[in-house]
Protein backbone atom coordinates (compact mmCIF):
# COMPACT_ATOMS: atom_id res chain seq x y z
CA MET A 1 -0.06 0.05 0.01
CA HIS A 2 1.40 3.30 -0.95
CA ASP A 3 2.12 5.77 1.94
CA HIS A 4 0.34 8.97 0.88
CA SER A 5 0.98 10.60 4.23
CA ASN A 6 4.73 10.57 3.76
CA GLU A 7 4.48 11.84 0.29
CA GLY A 8 2.37 14.68 1.49
CA GLN A 9 4.77 15.35 4.29
CA ASN A 10 7.70 15.53 1.89
CA LYS A 11 5.83 17.75 -0.39
CA ASN A 12 5.07 20.08 2.48
CA MET A 13 8.76 20.05 3.59
CA LYS A 14 9.90 20.96 0.06
CA ASN A 15 7.44 23.77 -0.23
CA SER A 16 8.56 25.16 3.06
CA GLY A 17 12.12 25.36 1.92
CA SER A 18 13.37 22.33 4.08
CA ASP A 19 17.05 21.59 4.47
CA HIS A 20 17.89 18.47 6.28
CA SER A 21 21.50 19.32 5.77
CA LEU A 22 21.32 21.94 8.55
CA ILE A 23 20.32 19.47 11.25
CA GLU A 24 22.83 17.04 10.03
CA LYS A 25 25.67 19.62 10.14
CA VAL A 26 24.74 20.92 13.54
CA SER A 27 24.24 17.47 15.09
CA ALA A 28 27.53 16.08 13.51
CA TYR A 29 29.46 19.04 14.87
CA ILE A 30 28.04 18.39 18.61
CA SER A 31 28.45 14.78 18.33
CA GLU A 32 32.05 15.00 17.24
CA SER A 33 33.07 18.04 19.33
CA GLY A 34 34.46 15.92 22.15
CA GLY A 35 37.01 14.36 19.82
CA ARG A 36 38.03 17.54 17.99
CA ASP A 37 41.27 19.30 18.73
CA LEU A 38 40.83 23.02 19.67
CA PRO A 39 43.25 25.91 19.10
CA ALA A 40 45.29 26.96 21.98
CA GLY A 41 43.66 30.36 22.26
CA VAL A 42 40.21 28.89 22.30
CA ILE A 43 41.15 26.55 25.18
CA GLU A 44 42.68 29.42 27.20
CA LYS A 45 39.56 31.61 26.62
CA ALA A 46 37.33 28.67 27.76
CA LYS A 47 39.28 28.33 31.03
CA HIS A 48 38.72 32.03 31.64
CA HIS A 49 34.94 31.63 31.14
CA ILE A 50 34.79 28.47 33.10
CA LEU A 51 36.57 30.00 36.23
CA ASP A 52 34.38 33.16 35.86
CA THR A 53 31.27 31.18 35.88
CA LEU A 54 32.23 28.98 38.72
CA ALA A 55 33.00 32.03 40.80
CA ALA A 56 29.58 33.45 39.83
CA MET A 57 28.11 30.01 41.10
CA VAL A 58 29.91 30.17 44.42
CA SER A 59 29.22 33.98 45.08
CA GLY A 60 25.64 33.55 43.84
CA SER A 61 25.02 30.66 46.47
CA ARG A 62 25.00 33.48 49.17
CA LEU A 63 22.68 35.67 47.40
CA LYS A 64 18.87 35.46 47.77
CA PRO A 65 18.17 33.44 44.51
CA GLY A 66 20.91 30.94 45.62
CA GLU A 67 19.68 30.60 49.06
CA MET A 68 16.03 30.00 47.76
CA VAL A 69 17.28 27.32 45.32
CA LYS A 70 19.27 25.40 47.86
CA LYS A 71 16.11 25.22 49.96
CA PHE A 72 14.18 24.02 46.98
CA ILE A 73 16.72 21.31 46.11
CA GLN A 74 17.10 20.15 49.66
CA LYS A 75 13.39 19.00 49.34
CA GLN A 76 13.99 16.91 46.13
CA ALA A 77 14.66 13.23 46.25
CA GLY A 78 16.98 11.72 43.63
CA ILE A 79 20.28 9.98 42.89
CA GLN A 80 23.43 11.86 43.94
CA GLU A 81 25.13 12.83 40.68
CA GLY A 82 26.09 16.50 41.01
CA GLN A 83 27.33 19.04 43.58
CA VAL A 84 25.44 22.15 44.26
CA ALA A 85 28.15 24.95 44.56
CA GLY A 86 28.48 26.65 47.90
CA SER A 87 26.47 24.04 49.83
CA PRO A 88 26.89 20.47 51.13
CA ILE A 89 23.98 19.25 48.73
CA MET A 90 24.63 16.48 46.20
CA THR A 91 21.52 15.95 43.93
CA SER A 92 20.62 14.57 40.36
CA ALA A 93 22.45 15.97 37.36
CA ILE A 94 19.32 17.73 36.34
CA ASN A 95 18.74 19.32 39.71
CA ALA A 96 22.29 20.30 40.00
CA ALA A 97 22.28 21.98 36.72
CA PHE A 98 19.18 23.86 37.84
CA ALA A 99 20.56 25.17 41.18
CA ASN A 100 23.98 26.08 39.81
CA GLY A 101 22.38 27.82 36.91
CA ILE A 102 20.18 29.84 39.22
CA MET A 103 23.32 30.63 41.32
CA ALA A 104 25.55 31.64 38.27
CA HIS A 105 22.92 34.35 37.38
CA ALA A 106 21.81 35.30 40.87
CA ASP A 107 23.27 38.79 40.14
CA GLU A 108 25.12 40.27 37.16
CA THR A 109 28.58 38.65 37.69
CA ASP A 110 28.46 36.20 34.81
CA ASP A 111 29.63 36.59 31.33
CA ALA A 112 27.72 37.87 28.18
CA HIS A 113 27.80 37.58 24.36
CA SER A 114 26.72 40.87 22.73
CA GLY A 115 26.16 39.37 19.20
CA SER A 116 23.43 37.00 20.45
CA TYR A 117 22.24 39.28 23.30
CA THR A 118 22.91 36.26 25.72
CA HIS A 119 24.59 35.41 28.98
CA PRO A 120 25.89 31.93 27.78
CA GLY A 121 27.90 30.84 30.77
CA CYS A 122 25.40 30.90 33.46
CA ALA A 123 23.32 28.06 31.71
CA ILE A 124 26.04 26.23 29.64
CA ILE A 125 28.65 25.77 32.31
CA PRO A 126 26.39 24.39 34.99
CA ALA A 127 24.73 22.00 32.54
CA ALA A 128 28.16 20.93 31.35
CA LEU A 129 29.57 20.57 34.96
CA SER A 130 26.62 18.41 36.14
CA MET A 131 26.66 16.20 32.97
CA ALA A 132 30.52 15.83 33.30
CA GLU A 133 29.98 14.74 36.92
CA LYS A 134 27.32 12.25 35.98
CA GLU A 135 29.51 10.71 33.15
CA GLY A 136 32.82 10.96 35.00
CA ALA A 137 34.16 13.09 32.17
CA ASP A 138 37.75 14.41 32.17
CA GLY A 139 38.60 18.06 32.10
CA MET A 140 39.09 18.48 28.42
CA ARG A 141 35.91 16.69 27.58
CA PHE A 142 34.15 18.95 29.80
CA LEU A 143 35.90 22.05 28.26
CA LYS A 144 35.09 20.94 24.71
CA GLY A 145 31.47 20.51 25.66
CA VAL A 146 31.45 24.00 26.98
CA VAL A 147 33.03 25.44 23.77
CA ALA A 148 30.42 23.51 21.65
CA GLY A 149 27.54 24.86 23.90
CA TYR A 150 28.71 28.47 23.17
CA ASP A 151 28.77 27.82 19.44
CA ILE A 152 25.32 26.62 19.31
CA GLY A 153 23.65 28.65 22.06
CA CYS A 154 25.13 32.01 20.60
CA ARG A 155 24.31 31.21 17.07
CA ILE A 156 20.61 30.20 17.84
CA PRO A 157 19.46 33.81 18.49
CA GLN A 158 21.52 35.26 15.59
CA ALA A 159 19.85 32.71 13.30
CA ILE A 160 16.46 33.63 14.46
CA GLY A 161 17.30 37.42 14.61
CA VAL A 162 17.61 39.09 17.95
CA ASP A 163 15.33 41.89 16.92
CA ASN A 164 12.87 39.38 15.74
CA LEU A 165 12.81 37.91 19.15
CA LEU A 166 12.54 41.31 20.97
CA SER A 167 9.78 42.50 18.70
CA ARG A 168 7.74 39.48 19.81
CA SER A 169 8.54 39.79 23.48
CA ARG A 170 10.61 36.54 23.39
CA CYS A 171 13.75 36.25 25.37
CA ALA A 172 16.82 35.58 23.24
CA LEU A 173 18.75 34.91 26.48
CA SER A 174 16.85 31.95 27.55
CA ILE A 175 16.19 30.52 24.04
CA GLY A 176 19.79 30.66 23.24
CA ALA A 177 20.91 29.23 26.54
CA ASN A 178 18.53 26.23 26.23
CA PHE A 179 20.26 25.10 23.00
CA GLY A 180 23.74 25.93 24.42
CA ALA A 181 23.16 23.91 27.59
CA ALA A 182 21.76 21.07 25.50
CA ALA A 183 24.68 21.12 23.04
CA ALA A 184 27.14 21.04 25.92
CA ALA A 185 25.32 18.05 27.68
CA ALA A 186 25.03 16.10 24.50
CA SER A 187 28.82 16.66 23.52
CA ILE A 188 29.86 15.47 27.02
CA ALA A 189 27.56 12.45 26.79
CA ARG A 190 29.16 11.60 23.48
CA LEU A 191 25.76 10.95 21.93
CA GLU A 192 25.55 9.91 18.21
CA ASN A 193 24.18 12.12 15.64
CA ARG A 194 20.69 10.48 15.61
CA LEU A 195 20.32 11.10 19.28
CA VAL A 196 21.66 14.74 19.04
CA ASN A 197 18.82 15.38 16.52
CA TYR A 198 16.24 14.24 19.07
CA ILE A 199 18.01 16.43 21.72
CA LEU A 200 17.61 19.39 19.50
CA SER A 201 14.07 18.57 18.90
CA TYR A 202 13.20 18.28 22.73
CA THR A 203 15.15 21.45 23.38
CA SER A 204 13.04 23.30 20.71
CA GLN A 205 9.91 22.16 22.60
CA GLN A 206 11.37 23.60 25.74
CA ALA A 207 12.89 26.80 24.42
CA SER A 208 10.85 29.48 25.98
CA GLY A 209 11.23 32.82 27.85
CA VAL A 210 9.06 36.03 27.66
CA TYR A 211 10.59 39.40 28.00
CA TYR A 212 8.51 40.44 30.92
CA TRP A 213 11.40 39.19 33.22
CA MET A 214 12.35 42.90 33.08
CA ARG A 215 9.67 43.34 35.76
CA ASP A 216 11.41 41.02 38.23
CA GLU A 217 12.51 42.97 41.21
CA GLU A 218 14.63 40.46 43.04
CA HIS A 219 16.52 38.84 40.35
CA MET A 220 14.75 35.56 41.23
CA GLU A 221 12.71 34.95 38.15
CA LYS A 222 15.64 36.37 36.02
CA ALA A 223 18.02 33.90 37.42
CA PHE A 224 15.49 31.26 36.44
CA VAL A 225 15.08 32.41 33.00
CA PHE A 226 18.70 33.13 32.15
CA GLY A 227 20.38 30.28 34.03
CA GLY A 228 18.46 27.69 35.93
CA ALA A 229 15.66 26.67 33.48
CA PRO A 230 17.83 26.54 30.50
CA ALA A 231 20.65 24.42 32.23
CA ARG A 232 18.12 21.99 33.52
CA ASN A 233 16.24 21.76 30.15
CA GLY A 234 19.53 20.96 28.23
CA VAL A 235 20.52 18.31 30.66
CA THR A 236 17.05 17.00 30.71
CA SER A 237 17.03 16.68 26.96
CA ALA A 238 20.32 14.69 27.07
CA ILE A 239 19.41 12.36 29.73
CA LEU A 240 16.05 11.55 28.14
CA MET A 241 17.89 10.36 25.04
CA GLU A 242 20.32 8.39 27.09
CA SER A 243 17.28 6.62 28.65
CA GLY A 244 15.80 5.66 25.25
CA PHE A 245 13.52 8.40 24.38
CA THR A 246 13.01 9.21 20.60
CA GLY A 247 11.56 12.15 18.84
CA VAL A 248 11.26 14.19 15.73
CA SER A 249 14.54 13.91 13.79
CA ASP A 250 14.57 17.39 12.36
CA PRO A 251 12.95 20.30 14.20
CA PHE A 252 14.69 23.00 12.08
CA SER A 253 12.94 22.27 8.69
CA GLY A 254 9.64 21.29 7.11
CA THR A 255 6.12 22.47 8.01
CA HIS A 256 5.88 24.25 11.42
CA ASN A 257 9.51 23.92 12.27
CA PHE A 258 11.33 25.68 15.09
CA PHE A 259 12.59 28.68 13.12
CA LYS A 260 9.03 29.30 11.66
CA ALA A 261 7.52 29.28 15.12
CA CYS A 262 9.94 31.97 16.13
CA ALA A 263 9.54 34.65 13.21
CA PRO A 264 8.41 34.60 9.60
CA GLU A 265 11.87 35.63 8.35
CA THR A 266 14.92 33.87 9.85
CA GLN A 267 18.44 32.75 8.76
CA PRO A 268 18.65 29.28 9.89
CA GLU A 269 21.88 28.74 7.83
CA ILE A 270 23.73 31.04 10.43
CA LEU A 271 23.46 28.10 12.97
CA ALA A 272 25.91 26.00 10.90
CA GLU A 273 27.95 28.83 9.56
CA GLY A 274 31.71 28.62 10.54
CA LEU A 275 31.25 25.70 12.95
CA GLY A 276 34.70 24.41 13.74
CA GLN A 277 36.42 27.49 12.45
CA ARG A 278 34.76 30.48 14.30
CA TYR A 279 34.24 29.87 18.02
CA GLU A 280 31.63 31.92 19.70
CA ILE A 281 33.40 31.90 23.00
CA MET A 282 36.05 34.12 21.54
CA TYR A 283 33.40 36.91 21.07
CA ALA A 284 32.04 36.59 24.72
CA THR A 285 32.80 39.21 27.37
CA ILE A 286 33.95 38.66 30.83
CA LYS A 287 32.77 41.54 33.01
CA LYS A 288 35.35 43.50 34.89
CA TYR A 289 32.73 44.68 37.37
CA SER A 290 29.92 42.37 38.84
CA VAL A 291 27.17 44.65 37.42
CA GLY A 292 24.88 44.72 34.35
CA LEU A 293 26.79 44.72 30.97
CA PRO A 294 25.35 48.07 29.81
CA ILE A 295 26.89 49.72 33.01
CA GLN A 296 30.40 48.60 32.38
CA ALA A 297 31.30 51.43 29.87
CA PRO A 298 29.78 54.36 31.76
CA LEU A 299 31.25 53.12 35.04
CA GLU A 300 34.64 52.80 33.41
CA GLY A 301 34.23 56.29 31.95
CA LEU A 302 33.37 57.81 35.27
CA LEU A 303 36.24 56.03 37.14
CA SER A 304 38.61 57.24 34.55
CA MET A 305 37.73 60.74 34.98
CA ILE A 306 37.83 60.42 38.70
CA LYS A 307 41.33 59.22 38.43
CA LYS A 308 42.56 61.73 35.72
CA TYR A 309 40.82 64.88 37.00
CA GLY A 310 40.38 64.24 40.69
CA ILE A 311 36.68 64.43 40.63
CA HIS A 312 35.11 64.82 44.04
CA PRO A 313 31.40 64.24 44.73
CA ARG A 314 31.02 67.65 46.52
CA ASP A 315 32.42 69.36 43.36
CA VAL A 316 29.86 67.80 40.94
CA GLU A 317 27.09 69.77 39.52
CA SER A 318 25.72 66.89 37.04
CA ILE A 319 26.69 63.77 35.31
CA CYS A 320 25.33 62.62 32.07
CA ALA A 321 25.74 59.00 31.15
CA HIS A 322 24.78 58.31 27.38
CA VAL A 323 24.08 54.70 26.43
CA HIS A 324 22.44 53.02 23.32
CA ALA A 325 18.61 52.59 23.51
CA ARG A 326 18.81 48.88 23.82
CA SER A 327 20.79 49.37 27.07
CA ALA A 328 18.96 52.27 28.47
CA HIS A 329 15.78 50.41 29.46
CA VAL A 330 17.51 47.60 31.22
CA VAL A 331 19.63 49.91 33.67
CA ASP A 332 17.55 52.89 34.35
CA HIS A 333 16.76 54.37 37.79
CA ASP A 334 13.47 52.46 38.15
CA ARG A 335 15.40 49.13 38.60
CA ASN A 336 15.24 48.26 42.26
CA MET A 337 18.21 45.88 42.02
CA PRO A 338 21.47 47.81 42.85
CA ASP A 339 23.60 45.94 40.46
CA ILE A 340 21.51 46.89 37.40
CA ASN A 341 20.59 50.47 38.38
CA LEU A 342 23.01 52.73 36.49
CA GLN A 343 22.42 56.01 38.32
CA HIS A 344 22.73 54.18 41.73
CA LEU A 345 26.05 52.45 40.81
CA LEU A 346 27.49 55.61 39.36
CA ALA A 347 26.72 57.47 42.59
CA VAL A 348 28.20 54.68 44.73
CA ALA A 349 31.42 54.66 42.61
CA LEU A 350 31.76 58.45 42.68
CA LEU A 351 31.48 58.38 46.48
CA ASP A 352 33.87 55.44 46.93
CA GLY A 353 36.28 56.29 44.10
CA GLY A 354 35.71 52.67 42.89
CA LEU A 355 33.21 49.68 43.01
CA ASN A 356 33.77 46.34 44.68
CA PHE A 357 31.30 43.28 44.82
CA GLU A 358 29.90 44.37 48.28
CA ALA A 359 29.20 47.96 47.37
CA ALA A 360 27.54 46.93 44.03
CA HIS A 361 25.11 44.55 45.94
CA SER A 362 24.26 46.44 49.01
CA LEU A 363 20.55 47.22 49.24
CA GLU A 364 21.13 49.38 52.34
CA ARG A 365 23.13 51.91 50.23
CA MET A 366 20.08 52.40 47.91
CA LYS A 367 18.57 54.24 50.87
CA ASP A 368 21.81 56.02 51.97
CA PRO A 369 21.10 59.86 51.95
CA ALA A 370 24.55 60.53 50.64
CA VAL A 371 24.09 57.97 47.75
CA LEU A 372 20.62 59.53 47.13
CA ASP A 373 21.98 63.06 47.08
CA VAL A 374 24.48 62.32 44.39
CA ARG A 375 22.07 60.10 42.47
CA LYS A 376 19.69 62.89 41.83
CA ARG A 377 22.46 64.64 39.99
CA ILE A 378 22.98 61.78 37.56
CA ARG A 379 21.05 61.49 34.18
CA LEU A 380 20.82 58.60 31.83
CA ILE A 381 20.49 59.65 28.21
CA THR A 382 19.53 57.46 25.41
CA ASN A 383 21.78 57.95 22.45
CA GLN A 384 20.97 56.21 19.14
CA GLU A 385 24.25 57.15 17.55
CA LEU A 386 26.26 55.05 20.08
CA VAL A 387 27.12 51.53 19.36
CA PRO A 388 25.50 49.07 21.97
CA TYR A 389 27.63 48.72 25.16
CA GLN A 390 29.45 51.97 24.45
CA SER A 391 29.05 55.04 26.47
CA ILE A 392 29.70 58.82 26.54
CA VAL A 393 30.09 60.19 30.26
CA GLU A 394 29.84 63.96 30.85
CA ILE A 395 30.62 65.58 34.01
CA ALA A 396 29.91 69.18 34.88
CA ARG A 397 31.54 70.72 38.05
CA LYS A 398 30.19 73.56 40.17
CA ASP A 399 33.08 75.79 39.14
CA GLY A 400 31.86 75.68 35.51
CA SER A 401 34.57 73.24 34.18
CA LYS A 402 33.35 70.23 32.04
CA PHE A 403 34.82 66.87 31.24
CA LYS A 404 33.89 64.16 28.75
CA GLU A 405 34.88 60.65 28.12
CA HIS A 406 33.84 58.41 25.31
CA ILE A 407 34.36 54.74 26.19
CA THR A 408 34.36 52.58 23.08
CA THR A 409 35.39 49.47 24.70
CA VAL A 410 35.97 48.17 28.26
CA LEU A 411 38.34 45.57 29.69
CA GLY A 412 36.81 42.06 29.31
CA ARG A 413 35.38 42.77 25.90
CA PRO A 414 36.58 40.45 23.03
CA GLU A 415 38.67 43.29 21.57
CA SER A 416 40.21 43.96 25.08
CA PRO A 417 40.22 40.56 26.93
CA MET A 418 41.20 40.21 30.60
CA THR A 419 44.40 38.51 31.36
CA ALA A 420 44.38 35.15 33.19
CA GLY A 421 45.72 37.10 36.31
CA MET A 422 42.78 39.53 36.08
CA VAL A 423 40.25 36.79 35.79
CA GLU A 424 41.84 35.16 38.71
CA GLU A 425 41.88 38.34 40.87
CA LYS A 426 38.04 38.68 40.16
CA CYS A 427 37.51 35.05 41.08
CA ARG A 428 39.34 35.38 44.32
CA GLU A 429 37.33 38.41 45.37
CA LEU A 430 34.11 36.40 44.84
CA VAL A 431 35.03 32.95 46.29
CA VAL A 432 37.67 33.37 48.91
CA PRO A 433 34.98 34.72 51.54
CA ILE A 434 33.12 31.57 51.00
CA LEU A 435 35.57 28.64 50.28
CA GLY A 436 38.59 29.98 52.13
CA GLU A 437 42.03 30.72 50.75
CA GLU A 438 43.32 27.29 50.41
CA ARG A 439 40.38 25.70 48.61
CA SER A 440 39.89 28.74 46.43
CA GLN A 441 43.54 28.46 45.11
CA LYS A 442 43.07 24.84 44.56
CA LEU A 443 39.93 25.27 42.49
CA ILE A 444 41.70 27.92 40.47
CA ASP A 445 44.65 25.75 39.92
CA LYS A 446 42.30 22.85 38.79
CA ILE A 447 40.70 25.07 36.08
CA TRP A 448 43.96 26.55 34.77
CA HIS A 449 45.10 22.87 34.28
CA LEU A 450 41.93 21.17 33.12
CA GLU A 451 43.94 18.94 30.83
CA ASN A 452 45.36 17.13 33.93
CA VAL A 453 41.91 16.66 35.45
CA SER A 454 41.02 13.03 34.90
CA ASP A 455 37.44 13.28 36.35
CA MET A 456 35.40 16.35 36.88
CA ARG A 457 34.22 14.94 40.24
CA GLU A 458 37.55 16.16 41.46
CA LEU A 459 36.02 19.60 41.75
CA ARG A 460 33.29 18.52 44.20
CA PRO A 461 35.17 19.12 47.42
CA LEU A 462 36.45 22.38 46.19
CA LEU A 463 32.98 23.64 45.25
CA ALA A 464 31.21 22.29 48.37
CA SER A 465 30.45 24.26 51.48
CA HIS A 466 29.28 22.92 54.95
CA THR A 467 26.52 25.70 55.10
């Protein structure tokens, strides 16, 4: 009997511009990534992002989202496969990925990727770590999974179109992170192409995120959207395939495919473009300051002028910080979280002559009369002529003198990367108060020498805490 249903399906797929080669290219890249050699520069950059994200996880374990997720995980039963950072808790790989993802974006310490408008590390690295623990993977298999995760997770929003997603109130950050976490988990699990196809299909079904996370006032739902849910979803997709699940073999083409569900006009081919030659982790940013990415440039501009011109708070008549429109709505004065309120952070930095982690996260200082007095002199200006994440800062002093600084890049951006020593210094500030000096140094040394780590479970006693 002739199968007319298949004939009709093939016809529909042809008419919809289907391209099975895309899913095959992407799945093959993920499946083979664990056995592929990486350039030395990519390995080095990956170590930087891994250390930076682990530090975000550990420091985030003491912030409110981290404390809440630890309470949640303590109530969950399950096999002990993964370590929850900054705690004594061992739990399932899925729950460990979820908890560590929440912690990694409990604030704004984690990395970012401007081209895809994502925070890749906070989902990809927790997913990779929990899968590596479950599988007993060595350090380089873990690292290669992370690199594959960045490659897929950062290409997905670009293939859909970041503006397409924003115009539909969809969240590029969570959608990209879902695929990045799934790719990392699949790579570390060494799953064959056919199963990776299914993983990408299950991930397409889980890829969600709506832009109203902007209304979150405590960084709780934001941590769930950016880090926790995508990390959990990616690991879940991989473990389902390990457990024998099957699915649709090509979610990217044919009628009602993933890209058509996201926007009418997309560029799916971007997903496979340059795989194995262009590594997205090389275009990711490590933040110098543990604050929102759009604040990095204006903060750098202010601190530069304080140093050059001896600016003192009592002498300042006004400060104008110019940022791109895409940045302005994220960091304006209405945000009640100190680490993403531009005017507040500039006021604190002016008063302190710098900005450390504690000052950037102090809720008490948002009510400090001295901070409020300076803050009312600071204006945020939307400037469409600026490139996103650049800034112009203008200071007018009461004596009539004026100063201006145009920050085109900041330390930590791809064009001005932090050195290993700088990344380590940032890490130490975040983890030493929680893990202590000796364990912090051992953790740092493990990451710098991942090629010598035979089993990622070796990190468990270094990431754990008795509280």
